[in-house]
Amino acid sequence: MAYSHTNSKGVKYFLHKQEVTLRGGKPQTIFFFAKVEKNAKGTPTDLPADRVVNENPRNGFLTVSKKK
């Protein structure tokens, strides 16, 4: 079961992750939210313990960042 978050506008989003390779050859994991649980671009995942979800109050856009 993927992590889900409902934003202030009442829309439910599911967290996904994808492994990408940067130009220098370094692998990196990116996290993104999608409205559907099954997405072709990434795999559903749980929220890591060292991350926190932030919401843009203006448009309700969700982002994942490291805890401070």
N, C-alpha and C. Protein backbone atom coordinates (compact mmCIF):
# COMPACT_ATOMS: atom_id res chain seq x y z
N MET A 1 0.85 -1.19 0.00
CA MET A 1 0.00 0.00 0.00
C MET A 1 0.89 1.24 0.00
N ALA A 2 0.62 2.14 -0.89
CA ALA A 2 1.41 3.36 -1.02
C ALA A 2 0.94 4.40 -0.01
N TYR A 3 1.83 5.32 0.32
CA TYR A 3 1.49 6.43 1.19
C TYR A 3 0.53 7.35 0.44
N SER A 4 -0.55 7.75 1.09
CA SER A 4 -1.50 8.67 0.46
C SER A 4 -1.64 9.91 1.34
N HIS A 5 -1.91 11.03 0.69
CA HIS A 5 -2.05 12.31 1.39
C HIS A 5 -3.17 13.08 0.71
N THR A 6 -4.07 13.64 1.50
CA THR A 6 -5.15 14.47 0.97
C THR A 6 -4.77 15.92 1.22
N ASN A 7 -4.73 16.72 0.14
CA ASN A 7 -4.33 18.12 0.29
C ASN A 7 -5.50 18.96 0.81
N SER A 8 -5.27 20.24 0.99
CA SER A 8 -6.28 21.13 1.57
C SER A 8 -7.49 21.31 0.65
N LYS A 9 -7.36 20.99 -0.61
CA LYS A 9 -8.47 21.10 -1.55
C LYS A 9 -9.31 19.83 -1.61
N GLY A 10 -8.90 18.80 -0.86
CA GLY A 10 -9.66 17.56 -0.78
C GLY A 10 -9.29 16.53 -1.83
N VAL A 11 -8.17 16.71 -2.53
CA VAL A 11 -7.75 15.77 -3.56
C VAL A 11 -6.73 14.80 -2.95
N LYS A 12 -6.95 13.50 -3.17
CA LYS A 12 -6.07 12.48 -2.62
C LYS A 12 -4.97 12.14 -3.62
N TYR A 13 -3.71 12.12 -3.13
CA TYR A 13 -2.54 11.82 -3.95
C TYR A 13 -1.78 10.65 -3.34
N PHE A 14 -1.09 9.88 -4.20
CA PHE A 14 -0.29 8.74 -3.78
C PHE A 14 1.17 9.00 -4.08
N LEU A 15 2.05 8.60 -3.15
CA LEU A 15 3.48 8.82 -3.29
C LEU A 15 4.11 7.72 -4.14
N HIS A 16 4.99 8.14 -5.08
CA HIS A 16 5.72 7.22 -5.95
C HIS A 16 7.21 7.56 -5.88
N LYS A 17 8.03 6.58 -6.26
CA LYS A 17 9.46 6.84 -6.35
C LYS A 17 9.97 6.29 -7.67
N GLN A 18 11.09 6.88 -8.13
CA GLN A 18 11.71 6.46 -9.37
C GLN A 18 13.22 6.60 -9.24
N GLU A 19 13.94 5.61 -9.72
CA GLU A 19 15.41 5.66 -9.73
C GLU A 19 15.84 6.29 -11.04
N VAL A 20 16.61 7.37 -10.96
CA VAL A 20 17.12 8.04 -12.15
C VAL A 20 18.64 8.12 -12.07
N THR A 21 19.27 8.31 -13.22
CA THR A 21 20.71 8.48 -13.28
C THR A 21 21.00 9.90 -13.73
N LEU A 22 21.78 10.62 -12.93
CA LEU A 22 22.14 12.00 -13.26
C LEU A 22 23.19 12.01 -14.36
N ARG A 23 23.44 13.17 -14.93
CA ARG A 23 24.40 13.29 -16.03
C ARG A 23 25.79 12.78 -15.68
N GLY A 24 26.21 12.94 -14.47
CA GLY A 24 27.53 12.48 -14.03
C GLY A 24 27.59 10.98 -13.77
N GLY A 25 26.47 10.29 -13.93
CA GLY A 25 26.42 8.85 -13.70
C GLY A 25 25.98 8.45 -12.31
N LYS A 26 25.70 9.43 -11.45
CA LYS A 26 25.29 9.15 -10.07
C LYS A 26 23.80 8.77 -10.03
N PRO A 27 23.47 7.63 -9.41
CA PRO A 27 22.04 7.28 -9.28
C PRO A 27 21.38 8.08 -8.16
N GLN A 28 20.10 8.42 -8.36
CA GLN A 28 19.36 9.18 -7.36
C GLN A 28 17.91 8.74 -7.38
N THR A 29 17.28 8.74 -6.21
CA THR A 29 15.87 8.41 -6.08
C THR A 29 15.07 9.69 -6.01
N ILE A 30 14.03 9.81 -6.85
CA ILE A 30 13.15 10.96 -6.81
C ILE A 30 11.78 10.50 -6.33
N PHE A 31 11.10 11.37 -5.59
CA PHE A 31 9.77 11.10 -5.08
C PHE A 31 8.81 12.09 -5.72
N PHE A 32 7.59 11.60 -6.08
CA PHE A 32 6.58 12.47 -6.65
C PHE A 32 5.20 11.93 -6.29
N PHE A 33 4.21 12.81 -6.38
CA PHE A 33 2.83 12.44 -6.08
C PHE A 33 2.03 12.33 -7.37
N ALA A 34 1.10 11.38 -7.40
CA ALA A 34 0.20 11.18 -8.54
C ALA A 34 -1.20 10.93 -8.00
N LYS A 35 -2.20 11.24 -8.81
CA LYS A 35 -3.59 11.06 -8.38
C LYS A 35 -4.02 9.60 -8.39
N VAL A 36 -3.32 8.76 -9.16
CA VAL A 36 -3.66 7.34 -9.23
C VAL A 36 -2.59 6.53 -8.49
N GLU A 37 -3.02 5.40 -7.91
CA GLU A 37 -2.07 4.59 -7.14
C GLU A 37 -1.11 3.83 -8.04
N LYS A 38 -1.56 3.39 -9.19
CA LYS A 38 -0.70 2.68 -10.14
C LYS A 38 -0.30 3.66 -11.23
N ASN A 39 1.01 3.96 -11.32
CA ASN A 39 1.51 4.93 -12.28
C ASN A 39 2.61 4.27 -13.10
N ALA A 40 2.65 4.52 -14.41
CA ALA A 40 3.64 3.89 -15.29
C ALA A 40 5.04 4.45 -15.06
N LYS A 41 5.17 5.64 -14.54
CA LYS A 41 6.48 6.27 -14.39
C LYS A 41 7.21 5.89 -13.12
N GLY A 42 6.52 5.44 -12.10
CA GLY A 42 7.18 5.11 -10.84
C GLY A 42 6.47 4.00 -10.11
N THR A 43 7.05 3.58 -9.01
CA THR A 43 6.44 2.54 -8.19
C THR A 43 5.89 3.15 -6.91
N PRO A 44 4.70 2.71 -6.47
CA PRO A 44 4.14 3.22 -5.21
C PRO A 44 5.06 2.89 -4.05
N THR A 45 5.17 3.81 -3.11
CA THR A 45 6.08 3.62 -1.98
C THR A 45 5.51 4.28 -0.72
N ASP A 46 6.08 3.87 0.41
CA ASP A 46 5.75 4.50 1.69
C ASP A 46 6.64 5.73 1.89
N LEU A 47 6.22 6.62 2.76
CA LEU A 47 7.00 7.81 3.06
C LEU A 47 8.21 7.42 3.91
N PRO A 48 9.44 7.69 3.46
CA PRO A 48 10.62 7.37 4.28
C PRO A 48 10.61 8.16 5.59
N ALA A 49 11.27 7.60 6.60
CA ALA A 49 11.27 8.21 7.93
C ALA A 49 11.99 9.55 7.95
N ASP A 50 12.94 9.77 7.04
CA ASP A 50 13.70 11.02 7.03
C ASP A 50 13.09 12.08 6.12
N ARG A 51 11.87 11.88 5.66
CA ARG A 51 11.21 12.82 4.73
C ARG A 51 9.93 13.36 5.35
N VAL A 52 9.49 14.52 4.84
CA VAL A 52 8.26 15.15 5.29
C VAL A 52 7.53 15.71 4.06
N VAL A 53 6.20 15.73 4.12
CA VAL A 53 5.39 16.23 3.02
C VAL A 53 5.08 17.70 3.26
N ASN A 54 5.29 18.51 2.23
CA ASN A 54 4.97 19.94 2.28
C ASN A 54 3.91 20.24 1.23
N GLU A 55 3.04 21.20 1.55
CA GLU A 55 2.00 21.60 0.61
C GLU A 55 2.10 23.09 0.33
N ASN A 56 2.04 23.44 -0.94
CA ASN A 56 2.02 24.83 -1.34
C ASN A 56 0.62 25.37 -1.00
N PRO A 57 0.50 26.37 -0.13
CA PRO A 57 -0.83 26.84 0.27
C PRO A 57 -1.59 27.53 -0.86
N ARG A 58 -0.88 27.97 -1.85
CA ARG A 58 -1.54 28.69 -2.95
C ARG A 58 -2.28 27.76 -3.91
N ASN A 59 -1.64 26.62 -4.26
CA ASN A 59 -2.27 25.75 -5.25
C ASN A 59 -2.45 24.31 -4.78
N GLY A 60 -2.02 23.97 -3.58
CA GLY A 60 -2.21 22.63 -3.04
C GLY A 60 -1.23 21.60 -3.57
N PHE A 61 -0.15 22.03 -4.26
CA PHE A 61 0.84 21.13 -4.82
C PHE A 61 1.67 20.50 -3.70
N LEU A 62 1.83 19.17 -3.73
CA LEU A 62 2.55 18.46 -2.68
C LEU A 62 3.98 18.17 -3.11
N THR A 63 4.93 18.32 -2.18
CA THR A 63 6.32 17.99 -2.41
C THR A 63 6.85 17.21 -1.21
N VAL A 64 7.93 16.48 -1.42
CA VAL A 64 8.60 15.72 -0.37
C VAL A 64 9.98 16.31 -0.18
N SER A 65 10.34 16.59 1.07
CA SER A 65 11.68 17.12 1.35
C SER A 65 12.23 16.43 2.59
N LYS A 66 13.52 16.58 2.82
CA LYS A 66 14.17 15.99 3.98
C LYS A 66 13.78 16.76 5.24
N LYS A 67 13.68 16.04 6.36
CA LYS A 67 13.41 16.70 7.64
C LYS A 67 14.62 17.54 8.03
N LYS A 68 14.35 18.64 8.69
CA LYS A 68 15.44 19.52 9.14
C LYS A 68 15.85 19.20 10.54
